[in-house]
Amino acid sequence: MMLYKLLSGINREEFNSEVVSLTDAGPIAKKIRMLGIPVHELGMKRGRPYPIALIKLVQLLRDKNPDLVQTW
C-alpha cells in the first residue's frame, strides 16, 4: 500500500515510474495500473529460487536502463 501511496503522489511529468513484482502482482497492482503505471510480474514463488525470473529481471533492467531502482 505504501508503494501505491508513493506512486499516486509522484510528479509524473518529472518521473517515469514502472513497478516490477518478483512474484505475482497481487491486489495493489490493479490500483497502480489504474494510475497508468506499468506493472511487470516475474512470477517467482516465495521461498523457491527461480533462475528464469532473475534472468527476466536482468533483461528488464537492461532494457529500461533506469536512473533509480527502489526495492521493497
Protein backbone atom coordinates (compact mmCIF):
# COMPACT_ATOMS: atom_id res chain seq x y z
CA MET A 1 0.00 0.00 0.00
CA MET A 2 2.91 2.35 0.72
CA LEU A 3 4.16 1.89 -2.85
CA TYR A 4 0.72 2.83 -4.17
CA LYS A 5 0.66 5.95 -1.98
CA LEU A 6 4.12 6.95 -3.17
CA LEU A 7 3.21 6.45 -6.82
CA SER A 8 -0.13 8.22 -6.55
CA GLY A 9 1.62 11.37 -5.31
CA ILE A 10 4.65 11.35 -7.60
CA ASN A 11 5.03 14.04 -10.26
CA ARG A 12 4.57 12.03 -13.45
CA GLU A 13 5.77 14.89 -15.63
CA GLU A 14 9.14 14.69 -13.90
CA PHE A 15 9.36 10.95 -13.16
CA ASN A 16 8.52 7.94 -15.32
CA SER A 17 7.73 5.07 -12.93
CA GLU A 18 7.32 1.35 -13.51
CA VAL A 19 6.84 -1.45 -10.98
CA VAL A 20 8.40 -4.89 -11.06
CA SER A 21 6.97 -7.60 -8.83
CA LEU A 22 9.21 -10.61 -8.34
CA THR A 23 6.10 -12.68 -7.55
CA ASP A 24 2.59 -12.27 -8.91
CA ALA A 25 1.47 -8.67 -8.71
CA GLY A 26 -1.30 -9.02 -6.13
CA PRO A 27 -4.29 -6.77 -5.41
CA ILE A 28 -2.42 -3.46 -5.23
CA ALA A 29 -1.17 -3.90 -8.81
CA LYS A 30 -4.64 -3.17 -10.16
CA LYS A 31 -4.71 0.15 -8.32
CA ILE A 32 -1.21 1.00 -9.55
CA ARG A 33 -2.18 0.15 -13.12
CA MET A 34 -5.22 2.42 -12.78
CA LEU A 35 -2.72 5.25 -12.18
CA GLY A 36 -1.31 4.49 -15.64
CA ILE A 37 1.87 2.94 -14.26
CA PRO A 38 3.03 -0.35 -15.81
CA VAL A 39 3.41 -3.35 -13.51
CA HIS A 40 5.66 -6.22 -14.59
CA GLU A 41 5.17 -9.62 -12.93
CA LEU A 42 8.04 -12.14 -12.86
CA GLY A 43 6.06 -15.00 -11.28
CA MET A 44 8.57 -16.22 -8.71
CA LYS A 45 7.25 -18.47 -5.96
CA ARG A 46 8.02 -17.43 -2.39
CA GLY A 47 10.90 -19.31 -0.83
CA ARG A 48 11.94 -21.06 -4.04
CA PRO A 49 14.77 -20.00 -6.34
CA TYR A 50 13.58 -19.31 -9.86
CA PRO A 51 16.54 -18.53 -12.15
CA ILE A 52 14.36 -17.70 -15.17
CA ALA A 53 12.68 -14.88 -13.25
CA LEU A 54 16.06 -13.48 -12.28
CA ILE A 55 17.13 -13.56 -15.93
CA LYS A 56 13.92 -11.71 -16.83
CA LEU A 57 14.67 -9.13 -14.15
CA VAL A 58 18.18 -8.54 -15.52
CA GLN A 59 16.81 -8.21 -19.07
CA LEU A 60 14.12 -5.80 -17.93
CA LEU A 61 16.66 -3.64 -16.11
CA ARG A 62 18.92 -3.63 -19.17
CA ASP A 63 16.04 -2.70 -21.47
CA LYS A 64 14.67 0.06 -19.25
CA ASN A 65 18.07 1.34 -18.07
CA PRO A 66 16.57 3.09 -15.02
CA ASP A 67 18.21 6.02 -13.30
CA LEU A 68 16.93 4.79 -9.93
CA VAL A 69 15.86 1.40 -8.57
CA GLN A 70 13.95 1.35 -5.31
CA THR A 71 13.40 -2.02 -3.65
CA TRP A 72 10.88 -3.10 -1.03
